[in-house]
Amino acid sequence: MNAPPVKVDVEDLEGGVRLAVVAGRLDSATVPTIEAALLAPIQRGTGVVYDLADLGYISASGVRLIVAAVRRAEAMQGRVAFARVPAEVAETLSVSGFAMFLSLFESRDEAVAHVRGGA
């Protein structure tokens, strides 16, 4: 049996932060199946760190989902950060023009500090 093309594993960290590890591909085929799981960690007043280290590919559909997550968090007075973004994914976010609006960090610790209210 093949592994699913995309998955999200969520864990609660201290201080009202949730960690969502995203692995696989975010594209037009997988976004509809993973959208609810990717947006679920966002709750009023909490922060979410999306660890993208194992995200191998992102298409325009995936970028739209990432932007939707950020918008939902902002509407719920939460913060979102992205950790360990692979170069190929970062390039797609940059080319799309959205990278400048996202909080991207080299490490999980930096991203967690950001959503907890750090710099």
N, C-alpha and C. Protein backbone atom coordinates (compact mmCIF):
# COMPACT_ATOMS: atom_id res chain seq x y z
N MET A 1 0.84 -1.19 0.00
CA MET A 1 0.00 0.00 0.00
C MET A 1 0.88 1.25 0.00
N ASN A 2 0.58 2.20 -0.84
CA ASN A 2 1.36 3.43 -0.94
C ASN A 2 0.99 4.39 0.18
N ALA A 3 1.97 5.21 0.57
CA ALA A 3 1.71 6.26 1.55
C ALA A 3 0.85 7.33 0.89
N PRO A 4 0.03 8.03 1.68
CA PRO A 4 -0.78 9.09 1.09
C PRO A 4 0.12 10.18 0.51
N PRO A 5 -0.34 10.87 -0.56
CA PRO A 5 0.49 11.88 -1.19
C PRO A 5 0.73 13.11 -0.31
N VAL A 6 -0.10 13.30 0.72
CA VAL A 6 0.10 14.41 1.66
C VAL A 6 -0.54 14.03 2.99
N LYS A 7 0.10 14.47 4.07
CA LYS A 7 -0.49 14.24 5.39
C LYS A 7 -0.10 15.37 6.32
N VAL A 8 -0.91 15.54 7.36
CA VAL A 8 -0.67 16.55 8.38
C VAL A 8 -0.76 15.86 9.73
N ASP A 9 0.30 15.95 10.53
CA ASP A 9 0.30 15.44 11.89
C ASP A 9 0.38 16.64 12.83
N VAL A 10 -0.55 16.70 13.80
CA VAL A 10 -0.65 17.86 14.69
C VAL A 10 -0.35 17.44 16.12
N GLU A 11 0.41 18.29 16.81
CA GLU A 11 0.63 18.06 18.23
C GLU A 11 0.55 19.41 18.96
N ASP A 12 0.09 19.34 20.20
CA ASP A 12 0.00 20.54 21.03
C ASP A 12 1.32 20.75 21.76
N LEU A 13 1.82 21.98 21.70
CA LEU A 13 3.02 22.36 22.43
C LEU A 13 2.60 23.24 23.60
N GLU A 14 3.52 23.55 24.47
CA GLU A 14 3.22 24.43 25.60
C GLU A 14 2.93 25.85 25.11
N GLY A 15 2.18 26.57 25.90
CA GLY A 15 1.94 27.98 25.60
C GLY A 15 0.93 28.25 24.51
N GLY A 16 0.00 27.33 24.28
CA GLY A 16 -1.04 27.58 23.30
C GLY A 16 -0.58 27.53 21.86
N VAL A 17 0.46 26.78 21.59
CA VAL A 17 0.98 26.65 20.23
C VAL A 17 0.74 25.22 19.75
N ARG A 18 0.31 25.12 18.52
CA ARG A 18 0.14 23.80 17.90
C ARG A 18 1.17 23.66 16.78
N LEU A 19 1.73 22.47 16.68
CA LEU A 19 2.69 22.16 15.64
C LEU A 19 2.02 21.24 14.64
N ALA A 20 2.01 21.66 13.37
CA ALA A 20 1.45 20.84 12.30
C ALA A 20 2.57 20.50 11.32
N VAL A 21 2.91 19.22 11.25
CA VAL A 21 3.96 18.77 10.35
C VAL A 21 3.29 18.31 9.06
N VAL A 22 3.64 18.97 7.96
CA VAL A 22 3.03 18.69 6.66
C VAL A 22 4.06 17.95 5.81
N ALA A 23 3.64 16.81 5.26
CA ALA A 23 4.55 16.00 4.44
C ALA A 23 3.86 15.59 3.15
N GLY A 24 4.62 15.55 2.08
CA GLY A 24 4.09 15.11 0.79
C GLY A 24 4.03 16.22 -0.22
N ARG A 25 2.90 16.30 -0.92
CA ARG A 25 2.70 17.28 -1.98
C ARG A 25 1.41 18.05 -1.74
N LEU A 26 1.47 19.36 -1.92
CA LEU A 26 0.26 20.19 -1.90
C LEU A 26 0.02 20.64 -3.32
N ASP A 27 -0.94 20.00 -3.98
CA ASP A 27 -1.26 20.35 -5.36
C ASP A 27 -2.76 20.21 -5.57
N SER A 28 -3.21 20.43 -6.78
CA SER A 28 -4.65 20.43 -7.04
C SER A 28 -5.31 19.09 -6.73
N ALA A 29 -4.54 18.01 -6.77
CA ALA A 29 -5.10 16.68 -6.47
C ALA A 29 -5.20 16.44 -4.96
N THR A 30 -4.27 17.01 -4.18
CA THR A 30 -4.25 16.72 -2.74
C THR A 30 -4.91 17.78 -1.87
N VAL A 31 -4.95 19.02 -2.33
CA VAL A 31 -5.52 20.10 -1.51
C VAL A 31 -6.95 19.79 -1.05
N PRO A 32 -7.84 19.32 -1.92
CA PRO A 32 -9.20 19.05 -1.44
C PRO A 32 -9.26 17.99 -0.33
N THR A 33 -8.35 17.05 -0.36
CA THR A 33 -8.38 15.98 0.64
C THR A 33 -7.72 16.38 1.95
N ILE A 34 -6.88 17.41 1.95
CA ILE A 34 -6.11 17.77 3.14
C ILE A 34 -6.50 19.13 3.72
N GLU A 35 -7.32 19.88 3.01
CA GLU A 35 -7.65 21.24 3.43
C GLU A 35 -8.16 21.30 4.87
N ALA A 36 -9.13 20.48 5.22
CA ALA A 36 -9.70 20.52 6.57
C ALA A 36 -8.64 20.20 7.63
N ALA A 37 -7.79 19.22 7.37
CA ALA A 37 -6.75 18.85 8.33
C ALA A 37 -5.70 19.95 8.48
N LEU A 38 -5.41 20.67 7.40
CA LEU A 38 -4.42 21.73 7.46
C LEU A 38 -4.96 22.95 8.20
N LEU A 39 -6.25 23.22 8.06
CA LEU A 39 -6.85 24.39 8.71
C LEU A 39 -7.31 24.11 10.15
N ALA A 40 -7.53 22.84 10.48
CA ALA A 40 -8.06 22.47 11.80
C ALA A 40 -7.23 22.96 13.00
N PRO A 41 -5.90 22.98 12.92
CA PRO A 41 -5.14 23.43 14.10
C PRO A 41 -5.35 24.89 14.48
N ILE A 42 -5.92 25.66 13.57
CA ILE A 42 -6.12 27.09 13.82
C ILE A 42 -7.37 27.26 14.68
N GLN A 43 -7.15 27.76 15.88
CA GLN A 43 -8.25 28.02 16.80
C GLN A 43 -8.07 29.41 17.39
N ARG A 44 -9.16 29.98 17.83
CA ARG A 44 -9.14 31.35 18.34
C ARG A 44 -8.05 31.54 19.40
N GLY A 45 -7.21 32.56 19.15
CA GLY A 45 -6.21 32.98 20.10
C GLY A 45 -4.99 32.09 20.24
N THR A 46 -4.85 31.09 19.40
CA THR A 46 -3.68 30.22 19.50
C THR A 46 -2.76 30.44 18.30
N GLY A 47 -1.58 29.92 18.40
CA GLY A 47 -0.63 30.00 17.30
C GLY A 47 -0.39 28.64 16.70
N VAL A 48 -0.05 28.64 15.43
CA VAL A 48 0.25 27.39 14.73
C VAL A 48 1.58 27.54 14.01
N VAL A 49 2.42 26.52 14.19
CA VAL A 49 3.66 26.42 13.42
C VAL A 49 3.48 25.27 12.45
N TYR A 50 3.60 25.58 11.17
CA TYR A 50 3.57 24.56 10.13
C TYR A 50 5.01 24.21 9.79
N ASP A 51 5.41 22.98 10.09
CA ASP A 51 6.75 22.50 9.74
C ASP A 51 6.64 21.88 8.34
N LEU A 52 7.30 22.48 7.38
CA LEU A 52 7.20 22.06 5.99
C LEU A 52 8.42 21.30 5.50
N ALA A 53 9.28 20.85 6.41
CA ALA A 53 10.54 20.20 6.01
C ALA A 53 10.31 19.02 5.07
N ASP A 54 9.20 18.30 5.23
CA ASP A 54 8.93 17.13 4.41
C ASP A 54 7.91 17.39 3.30
N LEU A 55 7.68 18.67 3.00
CA LEU A 55 6.80 19.02 1.90
C LEU A 55 7.65 19.06 0.63
N GLY A 56 7.41 18.12 -0.26
CA GLY A 56 8.24 17.99 -1.44
C GLY A 56 7.86 18.88 -2.61
N TYR A 57 6.61 19.34 -2.62
CA TYR A 57 6.13 20.12 -3.77
C TYR A 57 4.92 20.93 -3.34
N ILE A 58 4.81 22.13 -3.89
CA ILE A 58 3.62 22.96 -3.68
C ILE A 58 3.27 23.62 -5.00
N SER A 59 1.99 23.54 -5.37
CA SER A 59 1.50 24.19 -6.60
C SER A 59 0.74 25.45 -6.20
N ALA A 60 0.18 26.11 -7.19
CA ALA A 60 -0.63 27.31 -6.92
C ALA A 60 -1.79 26.98 -5.98
N SER A 61 -2.38 25.80 -6.12
CA SER A 61 -3.47 25.39 -5.22
C SER A 61 -2.98 25.29 -3.79
N GLY A 62 -1.78 24.76 -3.62
CA GLY A 62 -1.19 24.66 -2.29
C GLY A 62 -0.88 26.02 -1.70
N VAL A 63 -0.38 26.92 -2.54
CA VAL A 63 -0.09 28.29 -2.08
C VAL A 63 -1.39 28.94 -1.61
N ARG A 64 -2.47 28.77 -2.36
CA ARG A 64 -3.76 29.35 -1.94
C ARG A 64 -4.20 28.79 -0.59
N LEU A 65 -3.95 27.52 -0.35
CA LEU A 65 -4.31 26.92 0.94
C LEU A 65 -3.47 27.50 2.07
N ILE A 66 -2.19 27.70 1.83
CA ILE A 66 -1.30 28.32 2.83
C ILE A 66 -1.80 29.73 3.16
N VAL A 67 -2.14 30.49 2.13
CA VAL A 67 -2.66 31.85 2.33
C VAL A 67 -3.98 31.80 3.10
N ALA A 68 -4.84 30.84 2.79
CA ALA A 68 -6.11 30.70 3.51
C ALA A 68 -5.87 30.41 4.99
N ALA A 69 -4.84 29.61 5.29
CA ALA A 69 -4.51 29.32 6.69
C ALA A 69 -4.09 30.58 7.43
N VAL A 70 -3.26 31.39 6.80
CA VAL A 70 -2.81 32.64 7.42
C VAL A 70 -3.99 33.58 7.63
N ARG A 71 -4.84 33.71 6.64
CA ARG A 71 -6.01 34.59 6.77
C ARG A 71 -6.95 34.13 7.87
N ARG A 72 -7.17 32.80 7.95
CA ARG A 72 -8.05 32.27 9.00
C ARG A 72 -7.45 32.57 10.38
N ALA A 73 -6.16 32.36 10.53
CA ALA A 73 -5.51 32.62 11.82
C ALA A 73 -5.63 34.09 12.20
N GLU A 74 -5.40 34.98 11.24
CA GLU A 74 -5.51 36.41 11.53
C GLU A 74 -6.93 36.77 11.95
N ALA A 75 -7.93 36.19 11.29
CA ALA A 75 -9.32 36.47 11.64
C ALA A 75 -9.67 35.97 13.03
N MET A 76 -8.92 34.97 13.51
CA MET A 76 -9.18 34.40 14.83
C MET A 76 -8.17 34.88 15.87
N GLN A 77 -7.50 35.98 15.59
CA GLN A 77 -6.49 36.57 16.47
C GLN A 77 -5.38 35.58 16.84
N GLY A 78 -5.01 34.75 15.88
CA GLY A 78 -3.92 33.80 16.08
C GLY A 78 -2.75 34.17 15.20
N ARG A 79 -1.63 33.51 15.43
CA ARG A 79 -0.44 33.74 14.63
C ARG A 79 -0.03 32.45 13.96
N VAL A 80 0.53 32.56 12.78
CA VAL A 80 1.00 31.40 12.03
C VAL A 80 2.44 31.66 11.61
N ALA A 81 3.25 30.61 11.70
CA ALA A 81 4.62 30.68 11.20
C ALA A 81 4.92 29.36 10.47
N PHE A 82 5.87 29.43 9.57
CA PHE A 82 6.27 28.27 8.78
C PHE A 82 7.73 27.98 9.07
N ALA A 83 8.03 26.74 9.42
CA ALA A 83 9.39 26.36 9.78
C ALA A 83 9.97 25.39 8.76
N ARG A 84 11.27 25.48 8.59
CA ARG A 84 12.04 24.52 7.80
C ARG A 84 11.46 24.32 6.39
N VAL A 85 11.22 25.43 5.72
CA VAL A 85 10.62 25.41 4.39
C VAL A 85 11.69 24.99 3.37
N PRO A 86 11.46 23.90 2.64
CA PRO A 86 12.44 23.48 1.62
C PRO A 86 12.64 24.56 0.56
N ALA A 87 13.83 24.59 -0.02
CA ALA A 87 14.18 25.62 -1.00
C ALA A 87 13.20 25.68 -2.16
N GLU A 88 12.78 24.52 -2.67
CA GLU A 88 11.86 24.50 -3.81
C GLU A 88 10.50 25.10 -3.44
N VAL A 89 10.04 24.80 -2.24
CA VAL A 89 8.76 25.34 -1.77
C VAL A 89 8.90 26.84 -1.52
N ALA A 90 9.99 27.26 -0.91
CA ALA A 90 10.24 28.69 -0.67
C ALA A 90 10.29 29.46 -1.98
N GLU A 91 10.88 28.85 -3.00
CA GLU A 91 10.96 29.51 -4.31
C GLU A 91 9.56 29.70 -4.90
N THR A 92 8.72 28.68 -4.80
CA THR A 92 7.34 28.80 -5.30
C THR A 92 6.59 29.89 -4.56
N LEU A 93 6.75 29.94 -3.24
CA LEU A 93 6.10 30.99 -2.45
C LEU A 93 6.62 32.37 -2.84
N SER A 94 7.91 32.46 -3.12
CA SER A 94 8.51 33.72 -3.51
C SER A 94 8.02 34.17 -4.88
N VAL A 95 8.03 33.27 -5.85
CA VAL A 95 7.59 33.58 -7.20
C VAL A 95 6.12 34.00 -7.21
N SER A 96 5.32 33.38 -6.33
CA SER A 96 3.90 33.71 -6.26
C SER A 96 3.66 35.09 -5.66
N GLY A 97 4.69 35.62 -4.99
CA GLY A 97 4.56 36.93 -4.36
C GLY A 97 4.06 36.87 -2.93
N PHE A 98 3.80 35.69 -2.40
CA PHE A 98 3.25 35.58 -1.05
C PHE A 98 4.31 35.42 0.02
N ALA A 99 5.53 35.04 -0.33
CA ALA A 99 6.56 34.81 0.68
C ALA A 99 6.77 36.03 1.57
N MET A 100 6.65 37.22 0.99
CA MET A 100 6.89 38.43 1.78
C MET A 100 5.81 38.66 2.84
N PHE A 101 4.67 37.98 2.73
CA PHE A 101 3.59 38.14 3.69
C PHE A 101 3.56 37.01 4.72
N LEU A 102 4.46 36.04 4.56
CA LEU A 102 4.48 34.88 5.44
C LEU A 102 5.65 34.98 6.41
N SER A 103 5.48 34.39 7.58
CA SER A 103 6.54 34.33 8.57
C SER A 103 7.27 33.00 8.40
N LEU A 104 8.43 33.06 7.74
CA LEU A 104 9.22 31.86 7.43
C LEU A 104 10.45 31.83 8.32
N PHE A 105 10.72 30.65 8.92
CA PHE A 105 11.84 30.51 9.84
C PHE A 105 12.65 29.27 9.52
N GLU A 106 13.94 29.33 9.82
CA GLU A 106 14.85 28.22 9.57
C GLU A 106 14.58 27.04 10.51
N SER A 107 14.12 27.33 11.73
CA SER A 107 13.95 26.26 12.71
C SER A 107 12.56 26.31 13.35
N ARG A 108 12.19 25.18 13.92
CA ARG A 108 10.93 25.12 14.67
C ARG A 108 10.96 26.06 15.86
N ASP A 109 12.10 26.08 16.57
CA ASP A 109 12.20 26.93 17.77
C ASP A 109 11.95 28.40 17.44
N GLU A 110 12.54 28.88 16.35
CA GLU A 110 12.32 30.27 15.95
C GLU A 110 10.85 30.52 15.62
N ALA A 111 10.25 29.59 14.92
CA ALA A 111 8.84 29.74 14.54
C ALA A 111 7.94 29.72 15.77
N VAL A 112 8.23 28.82 16.71
CA VAL A 112 7.43 28.75 17.94
C VAL A 112 7.57 30.05 18.73
N ALA A 113 8.79 30.58 18.84
CA ALA A 113 8.99 31.84 19.54
C ALA A 113 8.19 32.96 18.89
N HIS A 114 8.13 32.96 17.56
CA HIS A 114 7.36 33.97 16.85
C HIS A 114 5.88 33.91 17.17
N VAL A 115 5.30 32.71 17.11
CA VAL A 115 3.86 32.62 17.36
C VAL A 115 3.50 32.84 18.83
N ARG A 116 4.48 32.66 19.70
CA ARG A 116 4.25 32.97 21.13
C ARG A 116 4.38 34.46 21.40
N GLY A 117 4.72 35.23 20.40
CA GLY A 117 4.78 36.68 20.58
C GLY A 117 6.14 37.27 20.52
N GLY A 118 7.14 36.47 20.16
CA GLY A 118 8.49 36.98 20.01
C GLY A 118 8.63 37.77 18.73
N ALA A 119 9.85 38.16 18.46
CA ALA A 119 10.13 38.98 17.27
C ALA A 119 9.81 38.26 15.98
